[in-house]
Structures are given as C-alpha cells and as structure tokens.
PDB file of N, CA and C in Angstrom:
ATOM      1  N   MET A   1       0.446  -1.262   0.038  1.00  0.00           N
ATOM      2  CA  MET A   1       0.076   0.157   0.287  1.00  0.00           C
ATOM      3  C   MET A   1       1.111   0.729  -0.089  1.00  0.00           C
ATOM      4  N   LEU A   2       0.139   2.062  -0.486  1.00  0.00           N
ATOM      5  CA  LEU A   2       1.446   3.483  -0.928  1.00  0.00           C
ATOM      6  C   LEU A   2       1.228   4.747   0.118  1.00  0.00           C
ATOM      7  N   THR A   3       1.907   5.089   0.723  1.00  0.00           N
ATOM      8  CA  THR A   3       1.601   5.947   1.754  1.00  0.00           C
ATOM      9  C   THR A   3       1.245   7.309   1.120  1.00  0.00           C
ATOM     10  N   ARG A   4       0.751   8.202   1.776  1.00  0.00           N
ATOM     11  CA  ARG A   4      -0.125   9.263   2.003  1.00  0.00           C
ATOM     12  C   ARG A   4       1.026  10.556   0.278  1.00  0.00           C
ATOM     13  N   PRO A   5       2.311  10.503   1.438  1.00  0.00           N
ATOM     14  CA  PRO A   5       3.057  11.477   0.395  1.00  0.00           C
ATOM     15  C   PRO A   5       3.824  10.808  -0.517  1.00  0.00           C
ATOM     16  N   ARG A   6       3.671   9.494  -0.533  1.00  0.00           N
ATOM     17  CA  ARG A   6       4.082   9.373  -2.454  1.00  0.00           C
ATOM     18  C   ARG A   6       3.101   9.190  -3.089  1.00  0.00           C
ATOM     19  N   VAL A   7       1.696   8.942  -2.665  1.00  0.00           N
ATOM     20  CA  VAL A   7       0.772   8.970  -3.782  1.00  0.00           C
ATOM     21  C   VAL A   7       0.617  10.564  -4.376  1.00  0.00           C
ATOM     22  N   LEU A   8       0.998  11.711  -3.386  1.00  0.00           N
ATOM     23  CA  LEU A   8       1.291  13.007  -3.927  1.00  0.00           C
ATOM     24  C   LEU A   8       1.906  13.276  -4.456  1.00  0.00           C
ATOM     25  N   LEU A   9       3.283  12.564  -4.449  1.00  0.00           N
ATOM     26  CA  LEU A   9       4.335  12.896  -5.331  1.00  0.00           C
ATOM     27  C   LEU A   9       3.900  12.092  -6.413  1.00  0.00           C
ATOM     28  N   ILE A  10       3.918  10.539  -6.692  1.00  0.00           N
ATOM     29  CA  ILE A  10       2.773  10.007  -8.094  1.00  0.00           C
ATOM     30  C   ILE A  10       1.842  11.601  -8.782  1.00  0.00           C
ATOM     31  N   ALA A  11       0.392  11.507  -7.636  1.00  0.00           N
ATOM     32  CA  ALA A  11       0.269  12.809  -8.577  1.00  0.00           C
ATOM     33  C   ALA A  11       0.887  14.065  -9.301  1.00  0.00           C
ATOM     34  N   LEU A  12       1.623  14.587  -8.330  1.00  0.00           N
ATOM     35  CA  LEU A  12       2.162  15.929  -9.020  1.00  0.00           C
ATOM     36  C   LEU A  12       2.840  15.228 -10.359  1.00  0.00           C
ATOM     37  N   PHE A  13       3.452  14.080 -10.370  1.00  0.00           N
ATOM     38  CA  PHE A  13       4.459  13.956 -11.111  1.00  0.00           C
ATOM     39  C   PHE A  13       3.845  13.562 -12.572  1.00  0.00           C
ATOM     40  N   ALA A  14       2.173  12.865 -12.641  1.00  0.00           N
ATOM     41  CA  ALA A  14       1.999  13.224 -13.388  1.00  0.00           C
ATOM     42  C   ALA A  14       0.914  13.963 -14.562  1.00  0.00           C
ATOM     43  N   ALA A  15       0.698  15.023 -13.167  1.00  0.00           N
ATOM     44  CA  ALA A  15       0.525  16.238 -13.521  1.00  0.00           C
ATOM     45  C   ALA A  15       1.107  16.743 -14.150  1.00  0.00           C
ATOM     46  N   LEU A  16       2.855  17.231 -13.510  1.00  0.00           N
ATOM     47  CA  LEU A  16       3.416  17.469 -15.040  1.00  0.00           C
ATOM     48  C   LEU A  16       3.602  17.031 -16.189  1.00  0.00           C
ATOM     49  N   LEU A  17       3.811  15.983 -15.893  1.00  0.00           N
ATOM     50  CA  LEU A  17       3.939  15.017 -17.046  1.00  0.00           C
ATOM     51  C   LEU A  17       2.751  14.758 -18.518  1.00  0.00           C
ATOM     52  N   GLY A  18       2.064  15.406 -17.345  1.00  0.00           N
ATOM     53  CA  GLY A  18       1.136  15.636 -18.697  1.00  0.00           C
ATOM     54  C   GLY A  18       0.572  17.025 -18.987  1.00  0.00           C
ATOM     55  N   ALA A  19       1.208  17.728 -17.895  1.00  0.00           N
ATOM     56  CA  ALA A  19       0.963  19.388 -18.616  1.00  0.00           C
ATOM     57  C   ALA A  19       2.010  19.700 -20.017  1.00  0.00           C
ATOM     58  N   SER A  20       3.427  18.832 -19.624  1.00  0.00           N
ATOM     59  CA  SER A  20       4.468  18.881 -20.996  1.00  0.00           C
ATOM     60  C   SER A  20       4.339  18.328 -22.046  1.00  0.00           C
ATOM     61  N   LEU A  21       3.210  17.057 -21.803  1.00  0.00           N
ATOM     62  CA  LEU A  21       3.088  16.481 -23.291  1.00  0.00           C
ATOM     63  C   LEU A  21       1.838  17.254 -23.679  1.00  0.00           C
ATOM     64  N   LEU A  22       1.221  17.945 -23.242  1.00  0.00           N
ATOM     65  CA  LEU A  22       0.069  19.160 -23.305  1.00  0.00           C
ATOM     66  C   LEU A  22       0.795  19.766 -24.182  1.00  0.00           C
ATOM     67  N   ALA A  23       1.518  20.585 -23.155  1.00  0.00           N
ATOM     68  CA  ALA A  23       2.243  22.017 -24.340  1.00  0.00           C
ATOM     69  C   ALA A  23       3.151  21.015 -25.562  1.00  0.00           C
ATOM     70  N   ALA A  24       3.644  20.407 -25.616  1.00  0.00           N
ATOM     71  CA  ALA A  24       5.037  19.463 -26.651  1.00  0.00           C
ATOM     72  C   ALA A  24       4.721  20.031 -27.869  1.00  0.00           C
ATOM     73  N   PRO A  25       3.287  19.502 -28.318  1.00  0.00           N
ATOM     74  CA  PRO A  25       3.165  18.870 -29.645  1.00  0.00           C
ATOM     75  C   PRO A  25       2.488  20.519 -30.117  1.00  0.00           C
ATOM     76  N   ALA A  26       2.213  21.387 -29.843  1.00  0.00           N
ATOM     77  CA  ALA A  26       2.044  23.656 -30.012  1.00  0.00           C
ATOM     78  C   ALA A  26       3.405  23.516 -30.118  1.00  0.00           C
ATOM     79  N   SER A  27       4.617  23.458 -29.160  1.00  0.00           N
ATOM     80  CA  SER A  27       5.875  23.769 -30.064  1.00  0.00           C
ATOM     81  C   SER A  27       6.928  23.078 -31.002  1.00  0.00           C
ATOM     82  N   ALA A  28       5.990  22.044 -31.349  1.00  0.00           N
ATOM     83  CA  ALA A  28       6.808  21.337 -32.208  1.00  0.00           C
ATOM     84  C   ALA A  28       5.901  21.159 -33.155  1.00  0.00           C
ATOM     85  N   ARG A  29       4.856  21.387 -33.616  1.00  0.00           N
ATOM     86  CA  ARG A  29       3.863  21.485 -34.493  1.00  0.00           C
ATOM     87  C   ARG A  29       4.635  22.193 -35.806  1.00  0.00           C
ATOM     88  N   THR A  30       4.551  21.317 -37.324  1.00  0.00           N
ATOM     89  CA  THR A  30       4.912  20.854 -38.390  1.00  0.00           C
ATOM     90  C   THR A  30       3.303  21.201 -39.450  1.00  0.00           C
ATOM     91  N   TYR A  31       3.616  21.914 -40.026  1.00  0.00           N
ATOM     92  CA  TYR A  31       2.824  21.866 -41.185  1.00  0.00           C
ATOM     93  C   TYR A  31       3.020  21.520 -42.792  1.00  0.00           C
ATOM     94  N   ALA A  32       1.933  20.511 -43.203  1.00  0.00           N
ATOM     95  CA  ALA A  32       2.531  20.125 -44.540  1.00  0.00           C
ATOM     96  C   ALA A  32       2.520  21.568 -45.195  1.00  0.00           C
ATOM     97  N   THR A  33       3.911  20.748 -46.843  1.00  0.00           N
ATOM     98  CA  THR A  33       3.154  21.651 -47.638  1.00  0.00           C
ATOM     99  C   THR A  33       3.763  20.982 -49.125  1.00  0.00           C
ATOM    100  N   THR A  34       2.199  21.402 -50.032  1.00  0.00           N
ATOM    101  CA  THR A  34       2.179  21.078 -51.011  1.00  0.00           C
ATOM    102  C   THR A  34       2.521  21.621 -52.132  1.00  0.00           C
ATOM    103  N   VAL A  35       2.842  21.059 -53.464  1.00  0.00           N
ATOM    104  CA  VAL A  35       4.074  21.519 -54.225  1.00  0.00           C
ATOM    105  C   VAL A  35       3.246  21.014 -55.678  1.00  0.00           C
ATOM    106  N   VAL A  36       2.722  22.549 -56.312  1.00  0.00           N
ATOM    107  CA  VAL A  36       2.308  22.137 -57.746  1.00  0.00           C
ATOM    108  C   VAL A  36       2.954  22.459 -58.489  1.00  0.00           C
ATOM    109  N   ILE A  37       3.371  21.609 -59.484  1.00  0.00           N
ATOM    110  CA  ILE A  37       3.889  21.691 -61.290  1.00  0.00           C
ATOM    111  C   ILE A  37       3.377  21.722 -61.933  1.00  0.00           C
ATOM    112  N   LYS A  38       3.678  22.821 -62.700  1.00  0.00           N
ATOM    113  CA  LYS A  38       2.382  22.717 -64.592  1.00  0.00           C
ATOM    114  C   LYS A  38       3.894  22.848 -65.149  1.00  0.00           C
ATOM    115  N   TYR A  39       3.169  22.864 -66.243  1.00  0.00           N
ATOM    116  CA  TYR A  39       4.313  22.808 -67.603  1.00  0.00           C
ATOM    117  C   TYR A  39       3.808  22.256 -68.967  1.00  0.00           C
ATOM    118  N   PRO A  40       4.029  23.488 -69.717  1.00  0.00           N
ATOM    119  CA  PRO A  40       4.813  24.272 -70.541  1.00  0.00           C
ATOM    120  C   PRO A  40       3.660  25.388 -70.394  1.00  0.00           C
ATOM    121  N   PRO A  41       3.747  26.769 -70.807  1.00  0.00           N
ATOM    122  CA  PRO A  41       5.849  26.910 -71.317  1.00  0.00           C
ATOM    123  C   PRO A  41       7.103  26.744 -70.615  1.00  0.00           C
ATOM    124  N   ALA A  42       6.966  27.052 -69.821  1.00  0.00           N
ATOM    125  CA  ALA A  42       8.126  26.805 -68.657  1.00  0.00           C
ATOM    126  C   ALA A  42       7.385  26.239 -67.108  1.00  0.00           C
ATOM    127  N   PHE A  43       8.276  26.035 -66.402  1.00  0.00           N
ATOM    128  CA  PHE A  43       7.677  25.227 -65.420  1.00  0.00           C
ATOM    129  C   PHE A  43       7.489  26.517 -64.414  1.00  0.00           C
ATOM    130  N   TYR A  44       6.203  26.608 -64.207  1.00  0.00           N
ATOM    131  CA  TYR A  44       5.556  27.394 -62.832  1.00  0.00           C
ATOM    132  C   TYR A  44       4.709  26.267 -61.855  1.00  0.00           C
ATOM    133  N   GLY A  45       4.481  27.091 -60.213  1.00  0.00           N
ATOM    134  CA  GLY A  45       3.181  26.442 -59.831  1.00  0.00           C
ATOM    135  C   GLY A  45       2.739  26.940 -58.568  1.00  0.00           C
ATOM    136  N   GLU A  46       2.745  26.263 -57.688  1.00  0.00           N
ATOM    137  CA  GLU A  46       2.595  27.283 -55.665  1.00  0.00           C
ATOM    138  C   GLU A  46       2.765  26.589 -54.852  1.00  0.00           C
ATOM    139  N   LEU A  47       3.028  26.495 -53.970  1.00  0.00           N
ATOM    140  CA  LEU A  47       2.756  25.473 -52.907  1.00  0.00           C
ATOM    141  C   LEU A  47       1.786  26.265 -52.113  1.00  0.00           C
ATOM    142  N   LYS A  48       1.046  25.083 -51.359  1.00  0.00           N
ATOM    143  CA  LYS A  48      -0.186  24.894 -50.538  1.00  0.00           C
ATOM    144  C   LYS A  48      -0.119  24.582 -49.197  1.00  0.00           C
ATOM    145  N   SER A  49      -0.414  25.517 -47.935  1.00  0.00           N
ATOM    146  CA  SER A  49      -0.424  24.726 -46.596  1.00  0.00           C
ATOM    147  C   SER A  49      -1.493  25.794 -46.112  1.00  0.00           C
ATOM    148  N   SER A  50      -1.565  24.832 -45.119  1.00  0.00           N
ATOM    149  CA  SER A  50      -2.407  25.978 -43.748  1.00  0.00           C
ATOM    150  C   SER A  50      -2.008  27.161 -43.617  1.00  0.00           C
ATOM    151  N   LYS A  51      -0.745  27.086 -43.267  1.00  0.00           N
ATOM    152  CA  LYS A  51       0.165  27.900 -42.666  1.00  0.00           C
ATOM    153  C   LYS A  51       0.707  28.962 -43.941  1.00  0.00           C
ATOM    154  N   ALA A  52       0.822  30.258 -43.576  1.00  0.00           N
ATOM    155  CA  ALA A  52       0.856  31.094 -44.631  1.00  0.00           C
ATOM    156  C   ALA A  52       2.355  31.273 -44.804  1.00  0.00           C
ATOM    157  N   LEU A  53       3.005  31.164 -43.176  1.00  0.00           N
ATOM    158  CA  LEU A  53       4.637  31.311 -43.438  1.00  0.00           C
ATOM    159  C   LEU A  53       4.725  29.991 -44.309  1.00  0.00           C
ATOM    160  N   CYS A  54       4.119  29.218 -44.076  1.00  0.00           N
ATOM    161  CA  CYS A  54       4.960  27.508 -45.337  1.00  0.00           C
ATOM    162  C   CYS A  54       4.667  27.976 -47.238  1.00  0.00           C
ATOM    163  N   ARG A  55       3.609  28.703 -47.483  1.00  0.00           N
ATOM    164  CA  ARG A  55       3.635  29.486 -48.576  1.00  0.00           C
ATOM    165  C   ARG A  55       4.867  30.625 -49.224  1.00  0.00           C
ATOM    166  N   TYR A  56       4.814  31.458 -47.952  1.00  0.00           N
ATOM    167  CA  TYR A  56       5.363  33.187 -49.354  1.00  0.00           C
ATOM    168  C   TYR A  56       6.927  32.488 -49.083  1.00  0.00           C
ATOM    169  N   GLY A  57       7.555  33.356 -49.448  1.00  0.00           N
ATOM    170  CA  GLY A  57       8.878  33.396 -49.085  1.00  0.00           C
ATOM    171  C   GLY A  57      10.006  32.012 -49.557  1.00  0.00           C
ATOM    172  N   ARG A  58       9.497  31.274 -49.106  1.00  0.00           N
ATOM    173  CA  ARG A  58      10.027  29.926 -49.955  1.00  0.00           C
ATOM    174  C   ARG A  58      10.863  29.998 -50.757  1.00  0.00           C
ATOM    175  N   PRO A  59      11.876  29.165 -51.144  1.00  0.00           N
ATOM    176  CA  PRO A  59      13.426  28.521 -51.713  1.00  0.00           C
ATOM    177  C   PRO A  59      12.402  27.109 -52.364  1.00  0.00           C
ATOM    178  N   VAL A  60      12.272  27.401 -53.685  1.00  0.00           N
ATOM    179  CA  VAL A  60      12.283  26.198 -54.601  1.00  0.00           C
ATOM    180  C   VAL A  60      12.916  25.950 -55.390  1.00  0.00           C
ATOM    181  N   GLN A  61      13.261  24.300 -55.582  1.00  0.00           N
ATOM    182  CA  GLN A  61      14.335  24.125 -57.004  1.00  0.00           C
ATOM    183  C   GLN A  61      13.693  23.137 -57.767  1.00  0.00           C
ATOM    184  N   LEU A  62      13.912  23.358 -58.744  1.00  0.00           N
ATOM    185  CA  LEU A  62      13.837  22.260 -60.149  1.00  0.00           C
ATOM    186  C   LEU A  62      15.024  20.762 -60.470  1.00  0.00           C
ATOM    187  N   TYR A  63      14.624  19.895 -60.248  1.00  0.00           N
ATOM    188  CA  TYR A  63      15.374  18.912 -60.824  1.00  0.00           C
ATOM    189  C   TYR A  63      14.964  18.292 -62.143  1.00  0.00           C
ATOM    190  N   LYS A  64      16.168  17.673 -62.189  1.00  0.00           N
ATOM    191  CA  LYS A  64      15.931  16.952 -63.870  1.00  0.00           C
ATOM    192  C   LYS A  64      16.734  15.527 -62.685  1.00  0.00           C
ATOM    193  N   GLU A  65      15.735  14.056 -62.860  1.00  0.00           N
ATOM    194  CA  GLU A  65      15.878  13.265 -62.506  1.00  0.00           C
ATOM    195  C   GLU A  65      16.960  11.943 -63.625  1.00  0.00           C
ATOM    196  N   ARG A  66      17.807  11.713 -62.691  1.00  0.00           N
ATOM    197  CA  ARG A  66      19.256  11.076 -63.155  1.00  0.00           C
ATOM    198  C   ARG A  66      19.661   9.583 -62.580  1.00  0.00           C
ATOM    199  N   PRO A  67      20.454   9.376 -62.903  1.00  0.00           N
ATOM    200  CA  PRO A  67      20.806   7.449 -62.364  1.00  0.00           C
ATOM    201  C   PRO A  67      21.733   8.403 -61.123  1.00  0.00           C
ATOM    202  N   GLY A  68      22.207   8.380 -60.159  1.00  0.00           N
ATOM    203  CA  GLY A  68      22.768   8.357 -58.801  1.00  0.00           C
ATOM    204  C   GLY A  68      21.894  10.619 -58.565  1.00  0.00           C
ATOM    205  N   PRO A  69      22.871  11.305 -58.145  1.00  0.00           N
ATOM    206  CA  PRO A  69      21.730  12.006 -57.558  1.00  0.00           C
ATOM    207  C   PRO A  69      21.271  13.206 -58.903  1.00  0.00           C
ATOM    208  N   ASP A  70      20.122  13.225 -58.401  1.00  0.00           N
ATOM    209  CA  ASP A  70      19.005  14.228 -59.592  1.00  0.00           C
ATOM    210  C   ASP A  70      19.937  15.624 -60.025  1.00  0.00           C
ATOM    211  N   GLU A  71      19.833  15.679 -60.445  1.00  0.00           N
ATOM    212  CA  GLU A  71      20.987  17.177 -61.222  1.00  0.00           C
ATOM    213  C   GLU A  71      19.859  18.479 -60.747  1.00  0.00           C
ATOM    214  N   LEU A  72      20.316  19.497 -60.106  1.00  0.00           N
ATOM    215  CA  LEU A  72      19.406  20.660 -59.915  1.00  0.00           C
ATOM    216  C   LEU A  72      19.781  22.149 -60.684  1.00  0.00           C
ATOM    217  N   ILE A  73      18.363  22.003 -61.323  1.00  0.00           N
ATOM    218  CA  ILE A  73      18.404  23.098 -62.606  1.00  0.00           C
ATOM    219  C   ILE A  73      18.030  24.373 -62.634  1.00  0.00           C
ATOM    220  N   TYR A  74      17.143  24.086 -61.367  1.00  0.00           N
ATOM    221  CA  TYR A  74      17.399  26.225 -61.356  1.00  0.00           C
ATOM    222  C   TYR A  74      16.508  26.522 -59.711  1.00  0.00           C
ATOM    223  N   SER A  75      16.665  27.905 -59.166  1.00  0.00           N
ATOM    224  CA  SER A  75      15.757  27.786 -57.833  1.00  0.00           C
ATOM    225  C   SER A  75      14.844  29.162 -58.305  1.00  0.00           C
ATOM    226  N   ASP A  76      14.677  29.146 -57.175  1.00  0.00           N
ATOM    227  CA  ASP A  76      13.472  30.240 -57.402  1.00  0.00           C
ATOM    228  C   ASP A  76      12.746  30.405 -55.517  1.00  0.00           C
ATOM    229  N   THR A  77      11.911  31.535 -55.645  1.00  0.00           N
ATOM    230  CA  THR A  77      11.611  31.211 -54.165  1.00  0.00           C
ATOM    231  C   THR A  77      10.035  32.104 -54.162  1.00  0.00           C
ATOM    232  N   THR A  78       9.270  31.798 -53.614  1.00  0.00           N
ATOM    233  CA  THR A  78       7.842  31.702 -53.852  1.00  0.00           C
ATOM    234  C   THR A  78       7.305  33.351 -53.373  1.00  0.00           C
ATOM    235  N   ASP A  79       6.455  33.154 -54.350  1.00  0.00           N
ATOM    236  CA  ASP A  79       6.235  35.293 -54.256  1.00  0.00           C
ATOM    237  C   ASP A  79       4.707  36.024 -52.911  1.00  0.00           C
ATOM    238  N   GLY A  80       4.033  36.456 -52.449  1.00  0.00           N
ATOM    239  CA  GLY A  80       3.241  37.260 -52.069  1.00  0.00           C
ATOM    240  C   GLY A  80       2.324  35.793 -51.887  1.00  0.00           C
ATOM    241  N   SER A  81       2.062  35.477 -53.083  1.00  0.00           N
ATOM    242  CA  SER A  81       0.587  34.295 -53.331  1.00  0.00           C
ATOM    243  C   SER A  81       0.773  33.099 -53.284  1.00  0.00           C
ATOM    244  N   GLY A  82       2.768  33.128 -52.979  1.00  0.00           N
ATOM    245  CA  GLY A  82       3.043  31.357 -53.104  1.00  0.00           C
ATOM    246  C   GLY A  82       3.208  30.676 -54.249  1.00  0.00           C
ATOM    247  N   GLU A  83       3.301  31.775 -55.300  1.00  0.00           N
ATOM    248  CA  GLU A  83       3.860  31.121 -56.342  1.00  0.00           C
ATOM    249  C   GLU A  83       4.988  30.849 -57.287  1.00  0.00           C
ATOM    250  N   TRP A  84       5.496  29.990 -57.910  1.00  0.00           N
ATOM    251  CA  TRP A  84       6.902  30.186 -58.217  1.00  0.00           C
ATOM    252  C   TRP A  84       7.093  30.231 -60.273  1.00  0.00           C
ATOM    253  N   GLU A  85       8.266  30.466 -60.373  1.00  0.00           N
ATOM    254  CA  GLU A  85       8.144  30.169 -61.994  1.00  0.00           C
ATOM    255  C   GLU A  85       9.663  29.974 -62.278  1.00  0.00           C
ATOM    256  N   MET A  86       9.553  29.075 -63.049  1.00  0.00           N
ATOM    257  CA  MET A  86      11.367  29.250 -63.697  1.00  0.00           C
ATOM    258  C   MET A  86      11.388  28.887 -65.134  1.00  0.00           C
ATOM    259  N   PRO A  87      11.533  30.217 -65.535  1.00  0.00           N
ATOM    260  CA  PRO A  87      11.516  30.448 -66.956  1.00  0.00           C
ATOM    261  C   PRO A  87      12.514  29.875 -67.883  1.00  0.00           C
ATOM    262  N   ILE A  88      12.384  29.057 -67.864  1.00  0.00           N
ATOM    263  CA  ILE A  88      13.099  27.424 -68.841  1.00  0.00           C
ATOM    264  C   ILE A  88      11.894  27.145 -69.706  1.00  0.00           C
ATOM    265  N   GLY A  89      12.565  26.793 -70.821  1.00  0.00           N
ATOM    266  CA  GLY A  89      11.365  26.581 -71.788  1.00  0.00           C
ATOM    267  C   GLY A  89      12.176  25.422 -72.113  1.00  0.00           C
ATOM    268  N   ASP A  90      11.281  24.608 -73.696  1.00  0.00           N
ATOM    269  CA  ASP A  90      11.902  23.625 -74.225  1.00  0.00           C
ATOM    270  C   ASP A  90      12.909  23.991 -74.724  1.00  0.00           C
ATOM    271  N   PRO A  91      13.520  25.060 -75.154  1.00  0.00           N
ATOM    272  CA  PRO A  91      14.762  24.933 -75.861  1.00  0.00           C
ATOM    273  C   PRO A  91      16.151  24.614 -75.172  1.00  0.00           C
ATOM    274  N   ALA A  92      16.124  24.870 -73.665  1.00  0.00           N
ATOM    275  CA  ALA A  92      16.961  24.969 -72.631  1.00  0.00           C
ATOM    276  C   ALA A  92      16.910  23.554 -71.804  1.00  0.00           C
ATOM    277  N   LEU A  93      15.921  22.595 -72.012  1.00  0.00           N
ATOM    278  CA  LEU A  93      15.861  21.198 -71.248  1.00  0.00           C
ATOM    279  C   LEU A  93      15.198  20.444 -72.347  1.00  0.00           C
ATOM    280  N   ASN A  94      16.544  18.827 -72.141  1.00  0.00           N
ATOM    281  CA  ASN A  94      16.265  18.337 -72.820  1.00  0.00           C
ATOM    282  C   ASN A  94      15.163  16.877 -72.289  1.00  0.00           C
ATOM    283  N   PRO A  95      14.695  16.474 -72.684  1.00  0.00           N
ATOM    284  CA  PRO A  95      13.899  15.753 -72.174  1.00  0.00           C
ATOM    285  C   PRO A  95      14.305  14.891 -71.655  1.00  0.00           C
ATOM    286  N   GLY A  96      12.989  14.761 -70.421  1.00  0.00           N
ATOM    287  CA  GLY A  96      13.352  13.685 -69.596  1.00  0.00           C
ATOM    288  C   GLY A  96      12.256  14.262 -68.216  1.00  0.00           C
ATOM    289  N   SER A  97      12.573  13.813 -67.257  1.00  0.00           N
ATOM    290  CA  SER A  97      11.400  13.745 -65.776  1.00  0.00           C
ATOM    291  C   SER A  97      12.077  15.192 -64.707  1.00  0.00           C
ATOM    292  N   TYR A  98      10.861  16.194 -64.359  1.00  0.00           N
ATOM    293  CA  TYR A  98      11.367  16.546 -63.635  1.00  0.00           C
ATOM    294  C   TYR A  98      10.352  16.775 -63.100  1.00  0.00           C
ATOM    295  N   TYR A  99      10.985  17.351 -61.600  1.00  0.00           N
ATOM    296  CA  TYR A  99      10.092  17.921 -60.331  1.00  0.00           C
ATOM    297  C   TYR A  99      10.953  18.956 -59.711  1.00  0.00           C
ATOM    298  N   VAL A 100      10.131  19.031 -58.779  1.00  0.00           N
ATOM    299  CA  VAL A 100      10.308  20.323 -57.720  1.00  0.00           C
ATOM    300  C   VAL A 100      10.649  20.405 -56.391  1.00  0.00           C
ATOM    301  N   GLN A 101      10.703  20.496 -55.658  1.00  0.00           N
ATOM    302  CA  GLN A 101      11.076  20.016 -54.860  1.00  0.00           C
ATOM    303  C   GLN A 101      11.533  21.840 -53.465  1.00  0.00           C
ATOM    304  N   ALA A 102      10.665  21.853 -51.895  1.00  0.00           N
ATOM    305  CA  ALA A 102      10.293  23.067 -51.101  1.00  0.00           C
ATOM    306  C   ALA A 102      11.561  22.024 -49.883  1.00  0.00           C
ATOM    307  N   ALA A 103      11.976  22.870 -49.153  1.00  0.00           N
ATOM    308  CA  ALA A 103      12.968  22.398 -47.944  1.00  0.00           C
ATOM    309  C   ALA A 103      12.344  22.646 -46.885  1.00  0.00           C
ATOM    310  N   PRO A 104      11.858  21.976 -46.035  1.00  0.00           N
ATOM    311  CA  PRO A 104      12.008  22.710 -44.798  1.00  0.00           C
ATOM    312  C   PRO A 104      12.167  23.492 -44.267  1.00  0.00           C
ATOM    313  N   THR A 105      11.589  24.449 -43.746  1.00  0.00           N
ATOM    314  CA  THR A 105      11.801  25.948 -42.908  1.00  0.00           C
ATOM    315  C   THR A 105      11.286  25.635 -41.252  1.00  0.00           C
ATOM    316  N   GLY A 106      11.770  26.154 -41.111  1.00  0.00           N
ATOM    317  CA  GLY A 106      10.900  26.271 -39.635  1.00  0.00           C
ATOM    318  C   GLY A 106       9.776  25.366 -39.401  1.00  0.00           C
ATOM    319  N   HIS A 107       8.666  25.681 -39.122  1.00  0.00           N
ATOM    320  CA  HIS A 107       7.501  24.762 -38.654  1.00  0.00           C
ATOM    321  C   HIS A 107       6.693  23.733 -39.914  1.00  0.00           C
ATOM    322  N   CYS A 108       8.111  24.285 -40.824  1.00  0.00           N
ATOM    323  CA  CYS A 108       7.405  23.579 -42.390  1.00  0.00           C
ATOM    324  C   CYS A 108       8.033  22.587 -43.042  1.00  0.00           C
ATOM    325  N   ARG A 109       6.888  21.391 -43.226  1.00  0.00           N
ATOM    326  CA  ARG A 109       8.304  20.013 -44.160  1.00  0.00           C
ATOM    327  C   ARG A 109       8.187  20.531 -44.896  1.00  0.00           C
ATOM    328  N   PRO A 110       9.027  19.806 -45.478  1.00  0.00           N
ATOM    329  CA  PRO A 110       9.669  19.981 -46.747  1.00  0.00           C
ATOM    330  C   PRO A 110       8.420  19.140 -47.905  1.00  0.00           C
ATOM    331  N   GLY A 111       8.137  19.408 -49.537  1.00  0.00           N
ATOM    332  CA  GLY A 111       7.225  19.029 -50.220  1.00  0.00           C
ATOM    333  C   GLY A 111       7.714  18.965 -51.643  1.00  0.00           C
ATOM    334  N   LYS A 112       7.482  18.099 -52.223  1.00  0.00           N
ATOM    335  CA  LYS A 112       7.881  17.785 -53.211  1.00  0.00           C
ATOM    336  C   LYS A 112       6.450  17.147 -54.661  1.00  0.00           C
ATOM    337  N   SER A 113       6.864  17.799 -54.956  1.00  0.00           N
ATOM    338  CA  SER A 113       5.977  17.864 -56.408  1.00  0.00           C
ATOM    339  C   SER A 113       5.820  16.337 -57.357  1.00  0.00           C
ATOM    340  N   LYS A 114       4.383  16.188 -58.128  1.00  0.00           N
ATOM    341  CA  LYS A 114       4.922  14.997 -59.028  1.00  0.00           C
ATOM    342  C   LYS A 114       5.449  15.144 -60.198  1.00  0.00           C
ATOM    343  N   THR A 115       5.800  13.847 -60.395  1.00  0.00           N
ATOM    344  CA  THR A 115       7.042  14.541 -61.367  1.00  0.00           C
ATOM    345  C   THR A 115       6.284  14.511 -62.836  1.00  0.00           C
ATOM    346  N   ILE A 116       7.090  15.755 -63.981  1.00  0.00           N
ATOM    347  CA  ILE A 116       6.604  15.670 -65.208  1.00  0.00           C
ATOM    348  C   ILE A 116       7.643  15.000 -66.482  1.00  0.00           C
ATOM    349  N   THR A 117       6.768  14.252 -67.255  1.00  0.00           N
ATOM    350  CA  THR A 117       8.309  13.662 -68.252  1.00  0.00           C
ATOM    351  C   THR A 117       7.720  14.116 -69.248  1.00  0.00           C
ATOM    352  N   PHE A 118       8.828  14.908 -70.286  1.00  0.00           N
ATOM    353  CA  PHE A 118       8.413  14.834 -71.833  1.00  0.00           C
ATOM    354  C   PHE A 118       9.804  14.680 -72.271  1.00  0.00           C
TER     355      PHE A 118
END
C-alpha cells in the first residue's frame, strides 16, 4: 500500500508530465507543404499549406531525375501568393523527368511535386 506522501508525489509527477505532453505538440507542431508543378511553356506552380509562413518566401528547386544524384536545374523563391516560376522553356531543357522540391523551413515540412516527363 502506498503512503500518502508517495501518492501525492506520484500525482504531482503525473500532473507535470501531462502538462508537458500537452505543451509539447504546440511548440513542435509542423505544417505540411504541397508543391504544385505545371508545364509548359515553362515550369511554374505554387506552394499550398494551411500556414501562410509555409507558402510565402520559400525557396523551391527544379530537379531533373538522373541515375545517381538528381541534377539541380533552377532555383526560385515563392512570391506573396505562394507562386513560383522558372522561365526555362523547351529550348533549354532536354527530354526527361523533372520535379520541384521545397526544403523544410522552421515549422514547415518539406514538399515535393509530382514528376513531369516530356
């Protein structure tokens, strides 16, 4: 049988643990990022997220799939609407498979678009 001081100590510990578990998700919360890619005449699209900070002013990179590491083709930063544009048209690109990635920043998770092949 537990003594009264032990019961109080266990109850206090449980309360403190519960409070810390409730506080942790708010400070550790992250937000998903969806990367939309469109083509032609050039690669363009937008970032979508429930958090405005995850849409605006984020760097995005256009990659070409290759055996081994993929090749970075172009970088841009999203504007105030979460949109990005990479003015690379057909003459500058060889046929292949391309995708866009947004790196994680702050509370924003990384995102990757679908792959476009031409």
